[in-house]
C-alpha cells in the first residue's frame, strides 16, 4: 500500500523560503514519477512540479526559477524547496504519485497525501 505524508508547511513572509517534504512508503521514489500539486481557496488543484523516473524535472510557469523538486533515494522522500515566496503561493500543497506520463506531461495518479498548508503573508 502506497502512503504519502507531507510536512514542512507553515507561515512565511513574502520573499521567504520553505522546504516541503513528502515521506513515501510502499513505493520507491526513484522508480516512479513524483509530483507536487497545490490548491488555493476557491481554485482548482494545479500541478506545481514533477520529477520523472529518470530524474528530469518539470515546473509550472508560475514557479520556475523559484521552486526546486528533488528526491532522496535513501530516505525515500520527495522535497520541494520554495524560495522567493509570494502571497499567491498560498495554498495547500499535496504530494502525488501513480500518475501517467504522456508526451512529457504528468497526469495525477490515485495516491495523494493529506496536504500541508503554506501561507505567505506579512
N, C-alpha and C. Protein backbone atom coordinates (compact mmCIF):
# COMPACT_ATOMS: atom_id res chain seq x y z
N UNK A 1 0.85 -1.20 0.00
CA UNK A 1 0.00 0.00 0.00
C UNK A 1 0.88 1.24 0.00
N UNK A 2 0.56 2.15 -0.89
CA UNK A 2 1.33 3.38 -1.01
C UNK A 2 0.76 4.44 -0.08
N UNK A 3 1.65 5.05 0.70
CA UNK A 3 1.23 6.14 1.58
C UNK A 3 2.18 7.31 1.41
N UNK A 4 1.60 8.51 1.41
CA UNK A 4 2.36 9.74 1.26
C UNK A 4 2.04 10.65 2.43
N UNK A 5 3.08 11.20 3.06
CA UNK A 5 2.88 12.08 4.20
C UNK A 5 3.71 13.34 4.01
N UNK A 6 3.02 14.47 3.85
CA UNK A 6 3.70 15.74 3.65
C UNK A 6 4.01 16.42 4.98
N UNK A 7 5.05 17.23 4.97
CA UNK A 7 5.40 18.03 6.13
C UNK A 7 6.16 19.26 5.66
N UNK A 8 6.31 20.23 6.57
CA UNK A 8 7.13 21.40 6.27
C UNK A 8 6.38 22.68 5.98
N UNK A 9 5.07 22.61 5.92
CA UNK A 9 4.31 23.83 5.65
C UNK A 9 4.34 24.79 6.83
N UNK A 10 3.81 25.98 6.59
CA UNK A 10 3.77 26.98 7.66
C UNK A 10 3.49 28.36 7.13
N UNK A 11 3.70 29.33 8.01
CA UNK A 11 3.50 30.74 7.67
C UNK A 11 4.86 31.37 7.40
N UNK A 12 4.97 32.07 6.28
CA UNK A 12 6.23 32.71 5.92
C UNK A 12 5.93 34.06 5.29
N UNK A 13 6.85 34.99 5.46
CA UNK A 13 6.67 36.31 4.87
C UNK A 13 7.01 36.28 3.38
N UNK A 14 6.45 37.20 2.61
CA UNK A 14 6.82 37.29 1.19
C UNK A 14 8.32 37.42 1.03
N UNK A 15 8.85 36.69 0.06
CA UNK A 15 10.29 36.67 -0.16
C UNK A 15 11.01 35.59 0.62
N UNK A 16 10.32 34.95 1.53
CA UNK A 16 10.92 33.90 2.34
C UNK A 16 10.97 32.56 1.65
N UNK A 17 11.43 31.56 2.40
CA UNK A 17 11.60 30.21 1.86
C UNK A 17 10.98 29.17 2.79
N UNK A 18 10.57 28.07 2.18
CA UNK A 18 10.11 26.89 2.92
C UNK A 18 10.56 25.66 2.16
N UNK A 19 10.72 24.58 2.89
CA UNK A 19 11.05 23.31 2.26
C UNK A 19 10.02 22.28 2.68
N UNK A 20 9.27 21.77 1.72
CA UNK A 20 8.29 20.74 1.97
C UNK A 20 8.91 19.37 1.73
N UNK A 21 8.45 18.40 2.49
CA UNK A 21 8.95 17.05 2.31
C UNK A 21 7.77 16.08 2.23
N UNK A 22 7.90 15.07 1.39
CA UNK A 22 6.89 14.03 1.24
C UNK A 22 7.56 12.69 1.54
N UNK A 23 7.17 12.09 2.64
CA UNK A 23 7.69 10.77 3.00
C UNK A 23 6.83 9.71 2.33
N UNK A 24 7.49 8.82 1.60
CA UNK A 24 6.78 7.83 0.79
C UNK A 24 7.03 6.43 1.35
N UNK A 25 5.98 5.65 1.48
CA UNK A 25 6.10 4.25 1.84
C UNK A 25 5.33 3.42 0.84
N UNK A 26 5.81 2.20 0.59
CA UNK A 26 5.14 1.30 -0.34
C UNK A 26 5.55 1.48 -1.78
N UNK A 27 6.47 2.41 -2.03
CA UNK A 27 6.92 2.65 -3.41
C UNK A 27 8.25 3.38 -3.34
N UNK A 28 9.18 2.99 -4.19
CA UNK A 28 10.47 3.67 -4.23
C UNK A 28 10.36 4.94 -5.08
N UNK A 29 10.80 6.06 -4.53
CA UNK A 29 10.64 7.33 -5.23
C UNK A 29 11.44 7.39 -6.52
N UNK A 30 12.44 6.51 -6.64
CA UNK A 30 13.30 6.55 -7.82
C UNK A 30 12.72 5.77 -8.99
N UNK A 31 11.64 5.07 -8.77
CA UNK A 31 11.12 4.21 -9.84
C UNK A 31 9.80 4.70 -10.43
N UNK A 32 9.27 5.78 -9.88
CA UNK A 32 8.01 6.34 -10.38
C UNK A 32 8.10 7.87 -10.42
N UNK A 33 7.31 8.45 -11.28
CA UNK A 33 7.21 9.91 -11.27
C UNK A 33 6.54 10.35 -9.97
N UNK A 34 7.05 11.44 -9.40
CA UNK A 34 6.50 12.01 -8.18
C UNK A 34 6.20 13.48 -8.44
N UNK A 35 5.12 13.96 -7.88
CA UNK A 35 4.69 15.33 -8.18
C UNK A 35 4.21 16.06 -6.94
N UNK A 36 4.27 17.37 -7.02
CA UNK A 36 3.65 18.26 -6.04
C UNK A 36 2.55 19.05 -6.73
N UNK A 37 1.40 19.09 -6.10
CA UNK A 37 0.27 19.90 -6.54
C UNK A 37 -0.04 20.91 -5.42
N UNK A 38 -0.85 21.90 -5.78
CA UNK A 38 -1.35 22.81 -4.76
C UNK A 38 -2.77 23.22 -5.09
N UNK A 39 -3.49 23.59 -4.05
CA UNK A 39 -4.86 24.07 -4.22
C UNK A 39 -5.10 25.26 -3.31
N UNK A 40 -5.37 26.38 -3.94
CA UNK A 40 -5.70 27.60 -3.20
C UNK A 40 -7.21 27.66 -3.00
N UNK A 41 -7.66 28.41 -1.98
CA UNK A 41 -9.10 28.51 -1.73
C UNK A 41 -9.86 28.98 -2.96
N UNK A 42 -10.90 28.25 -3.31
CA UNK A 42 -11.74 28.64 -4.43
C UNK A 42 -11.17 28.34 -5.81
N UNK A 43 -10.02 27.65 -5.84
CA UNK A 43 -9.38 27.36 -7.11
C UNK A 43 -9.19 25.85 -7.29
N UNK A 44 -8.98 25.47 -8.53
CA UNK A 44 -8.73 24.06 -8.82
C UNK A 44 -7.31 23.67 -8.40
N UNK A 45 -7.15 22.40 -8.12
CA UNK A 45 -5.82 21.90 -7.80
C UNK A 45 -4.95 21.99 -9.04
N UNK A 46 -3.71 22.46 -8.88
CA UNK A 46 -2.83 22.63 -10.03
C UNK A 46 -1.48 21.95 -9.79
N UNK A 47 -0.91 21.49 -10.89
CA UNK A 47 0.40 20.85 -10.83
C UNK A 47 1.48 21.91 -10.65
N UNK A 48 2.36 21.68 -9.69
CA UNK A 48 3.43 22.63 -9.40
C UNK A 48 4.76 22.13 -9.95
N UNK A 49 5.09 20.87 -9.67
CA UNK A 49 6.40 20.34 -10.08
C UNK A 49 6.33 18.83 -10.15
N UNK A 50 7.13 18.28 -11.06
CA UNK A 50 7.22 16.84 -11.24
C UNK A 50 8.69 16.44 -11.35
N UNK A 51 9.02 15.31 -10.76
CA UNK A 51 10.30 14.68 -11.02
C UNK A 51 10.01 13.31 -11.61
N UNK A 52 10.50 13.12 -12.82
CA UNK A 52 10.19 11.90 -13.54
C UNK A 52 11.12 10.77 -13.11
N UNK A 53 10.81 9.59 -13.59
CA UNK A 53 11.53 8.39 -13.17
C UNK A 53 13.04 8.51 -13.34
N UNK A 54 13.48 9.08 -14.45
CA UNK A 54 14.92 9.16 -14.72
C UNK A 54 15.54 10.46 -14.22
N UNK A 55 14.79 11.22 -13.43
CA UNK A 55 15.37 12.36 -12.74
C UNK A 55 15.13 13.72 -13.37
N UNK A 56 14.56 13.74 -14.57
CA UNK A 56 14.26 15.04 -15.15
C UNK A 56 13.09 15.68 -14.41
N UNK A 57 13.02 16.99 -14.49
CA UNK A 57 12.01 17.73 -13.75
C UNK A 57 11.23 18.66 -14.65
N UNK A 58 10.06 19.04 -14.18
CA UNK A 58 9.21 19.97 -14.90
C UNK A 58 8.48 20.83 -13.89
N UNK A 59 8.25 22.11 -14.23
CA UNK A 59 7.65 23.06 -13.31
C UNK A 59 6.54 23.86 -13.99
N UNK A 60 5.59 24.28 -13.18
CA UNK A 60 4.61 25.24 -13.66
C UNK A 60 5.32 26.56 -13.93
N UNK A 61 4.85 27.28 -14.92
CA UNK A 61 5.50 28.56 -15.27
C UNK A 61 5.55 29.51 -14.08
N UNK A 62 4.53 29.45 -13.24
CA UNK A 62 4.42 30.39 -12.12
C UNK A 62 5.49 30.17 -11.05
N UNK A 63 6.14 29.01 -11.06
CA UNK A 63 7.14 28.73 -10.01
C UNK A 63 8.54 28.50 -10.57
N UNK A 64 8.68 28.52 -11.87
CA UNK A 64 10.01 28.29 -12.47
C UNK A 64 11.01 29.30 -11.95
N UNK A 65 12.19 28.78 -11.61
CA UNK A 65 13.25 29.64 -11.09
C UNK A 65 13.15 29.91 -9.61
N UNK A 66 12.03 29.53 -8.99
CA UNK A 66 11.85 29.77 -7.56
C UNK A 66 11.74 28.46 -6.76
N UNK A 67 11.14 27.46 -7.38
CA UNK A 67 10.91 26.16 -6.71
C UNK A 67 11.83 25.11 -7.31
N UNK A 68 12.24 24.17 -6.48
CA UNK A 68 13.06 23.05 -6.93
C UNK A 68 12.54 21.75 -6.32
N UNK A 69 12.25 20.78 -7.17
CA UNK A 69 11.83 19.46 -6.69
C UNK A 69 13.04 18.53 -6.72
N UNK A 70 13.12 17.69 -5.69
CA UNK A 70 14.23 16.74 -5.62
C UNK A 70 13.78 15.49 -4.89
N UNK A 71 14.60 14.44 -4.97
CA UNK A 71 14.25 13.21 -4.27
C UNK A 71 15.48 12.65 -3.57
N UNK A 72 15.22 11.98 -2.49
CA UNK A 72 16.29 11.34 -1.71
C UNK A 72 15.99 9.85 -1.70
N UNK A 73 16.81 9.10 -2.41
CA UNK A 73 16.55 7.67 -2.56
C UNK A 73 16.73 6.92 -1.25
N UNK A 74 17.65 7.37 -0.44
CA UNK A 74 17.91 6.69 0.83
C UNK A 74 16.78 6.91 1.82
N UNK A 75 16.31 8.15 1.90
CA UNK A 75 15.21 8.46 2.81
C UNK A 75 13.85 8.14 2.20
N UNK A 76 13.83 7.94 0.88
CA UNK A 76 12.58 7.72 0.14
C UNK A 76 11.61 8.88 0.33
N UNK A 77 12.15 10.07 0.11
CA UNK A 77 11.35 11.28 0.22
C UNK A 77 11.46 12.10 -1.07
N UNK A 78 10.48 12.95 -1.25
CA UNK A 78 10.48 13.92 -2.35
C UNK A 78 10.29 15.30 -1.72
N UNK A 79 11.20 16.21 -1.99
CA UNK A 79 11.16 17.52 -1.38
C UNK A 79 10.81 18.60 -2.40
N UNK A 80 10.27 19.70 -1.89
CA UNK A 80 10.01 20.86 -2.73
C UNK A 80 10.60 22.08 -2.01
N UNK A 81 11.71 22.58 -2.52
CA UNK A 81 12.32 23.79 -1.98
C UNK A 81 11.66 24.99 -2.64
N UNK A 82 11.10 25.85 -1.81
CA UNK A 82 10.37 27.01 -2.32
C UNK A 82 11.05 28.28 -1.86
N UNK A 83 11.56 29.06 -2.80
CA UNK A 83 12.23 30.32 -2.49
C UNK A 83 11.45 31.49 -3.08
N UNK A 84 11.78 32.67 -2.61
CA UNK A 84 11.14 33.90 -3.11
C UNK A 84 9.62 33.76 -3.12
N UNK A 85 9.08 33.30 -2.03
CA UNK A 85 7.65 33.03 -1.96
C UNK A 85 6.83 34.29 -2.09
N UNK A 86 5.67 34.14 -2.74
CA UNK A 86 4.75 35.24 -2.98
C UNK A 86 3.41 34.92 -2.32
N UNK A 87 2.62 35.93 -2.02
CA UNK A 87 1.29 35.66 -1.45
C UNK A 87 0.45 34.72 -2.31
N UNK A 88 0.62 34.77 -3.62
CA UNK A 88 -0.15 33.88 -4.49
C UNK A 88 0.31 32.43 -4.44
N UNK A 89 1.38 32.15 -3.72
CA UNK A 89 1.79 30.76 -3.50
C UNK A 89 1.02 30.12 -2.34
N UNK A 90 0.23 30.91 -1.64
CA UNK A 90 -0.56 30.40 -0.53
C UNK A 90 -1.53 29.33 -1.01
N UNK A 91 -1.45 28.15 -0.41
CA UNK A 91 -2.27 27.02 -0.83
C UNK A 91 -1.99 25.84 0.08
N UNK A 92 -2.81 24.81 -0.07
CA UNK A 92 -2.48 23.51 0.50
C UNK A 92 -1.67 22.76 -0.56
N UNK A 93 -0.54 22.23 -0.16
CA UNK A 93 0.36 21.53 -1.08
C UNK A 93 0.24 20.02 -0.85
N UNK A 94 0.10 19.30 -1.96
CA UNK A 94 -0.11 17.86 -1.91
C UNK A 94 0.98 17.13 -2.69
N UNK A 95 1.38 16.00 -2.19
CA UNK A 95 2.27 15.08 -2.88
C UNK A 95 1.41 14.06 -3.64
N UNK A 96 1.89 13.65 -4.81
CA UNK A 96 1.13 12.72 -5.64
C UNK A 96 2.04 11.76 -6.38
N UNK A 97 1.55 10.54 -6.58
CA UNK A 97 2.25 9.58 -7.42
C UNK A 97 1.24 8.62 -8.03
N UNK A 98 1.72 7.79 -8.92
CA UNK A 98 0.83 6.82 -9.57
C UNK A 98 0.21 7.33 -10.85
N UNK A 99 0.65 8.52 -11.28
CA UNK A 99 0.07 9.10 -12.47
C UNK A 99 0.69 8.58 -13.75
N UNK A 100 0.20 9.12 -14.85
CA UNK A 100 0.70 8.73 -16.16
C UNK A 100 1.50 9.87 -16.78
N UNK A 101 2.43 9.51 -17.62
CA UNK A 101 3.26 10.48 -18.33
C UNK A 101 3.06 10.27 -19.82
N UNK A 102 2.61 11.32 -20.48
CA UNK A 102 2.37 11.25 -21.92
C UNK A 102 2.94 12.50 -22.55
N UNK A 103 3.84 12.30 -23.52
CA UNK A 103 4.49 13.44 -24.17
C UNK A 103 5.10 14.41 -23.16
N UNK A 104 5.68 13.86 -22.12
CA UNK A 104 6.35 14.68 -21.13
C UNK A 104 5.44 15.37 -20.15
N UNK A 105 4.16 15.10 -20.23
CA UNK A 105 3.20 15.74 -19.34
C UNK A 105 2.69 14.72 -18.34
N UNK A 106 2.64 15.14 -17.08
CA UNK A 106 2.22 14.26 -15.99
C UNK A 106 0.74 14.51 -15.68
N UNK A 107 0.01 13.42 -15.55
CA UNK A 107 -1.39 13.48 -15.11
C UNK A 107 -1.49 12.76 -13.76
N UNK A 108 -2.19 13.37 -12.84
CA UNK A 108 -2.21 12.90 -11.45
C UNK A 108 -2.66 11.45 -11.33
N UNK A 109 -2.01 10.76 -10.40
CA UNK A 109 -2.40 9.40 -10.08
C UNK A 109 -3.33 9.37 -8.88
N UNK A 110 -3.57 8.18 -8.41
CA UNK A 110 -4.56 7.99 -7.35
C UNK A 110 -4.01 8.16 -5.94
N UNK A 111 -2.70 8.27 -5.81
CA UNK A 111 -2.11 8.33 -4.48
C UNK A 111 -1.82 9.77 -4.09
N UNK A 112 -2.45 10.20 -3.01
CA UNK A 112 -2.32 11.57 -2.51
C UNK A 112 -1.96 11.56 -1.04
N UNK A 113 -1.20 12.56 -0.63
CA UNK A 113 -1.02 12.78 0.78
C UNK A 113 -2.16 13.60 1.33
N UNK A 114 -2.06 13.91 2.63
CA UNK A 114 -3.14 14.67 3.28
C UNK A 114 -3.01 16.17 3.06
N UNK A 115 -1.86 16.61 2.58
CA UNK A 115 -1.64 18.03 2.31
C UNK A 115 -0.98 18.76 3.46
N UNK A 116 -0.29 19.83 3.12
CA UNK A 116 0.32 20.70 4.13
C UNK A 116 0.08 22.14 3.71
N UNK A 117 -0.34 22.96 4.66
CA UNK A 117 -0.73 24.35 4.38
C UNK A 117 0.51 25.24 4.31
N UNK A 118 0.57 26.02 3.25
CA UNK A 118 1.59 27.05 3.10
C UNK A 118 0.88 28.39 3.00
N UNK A 119 1.23 29.31 3.89
CA UNK A 119 0.64 30.64 3.90
C UNK A 119 1.75 31.67 3.78
N UNK A 120 1.65 32.50 2.75
CA UNK A 120 2.64 33.55 2.54
C UNK A 120 1.96 34.89 2.80
N UNK A 121 2.37 35.52 3.89
CA UNK A 121 1.71 36.75 4.30
C UNK A 121 2.62 37.55 5.22
N UNK A 122 2.47 38.86 5.13
CA UNK A 122 3.23 39.73 6.03
C UNK A 122 2.39 40.08 7.26
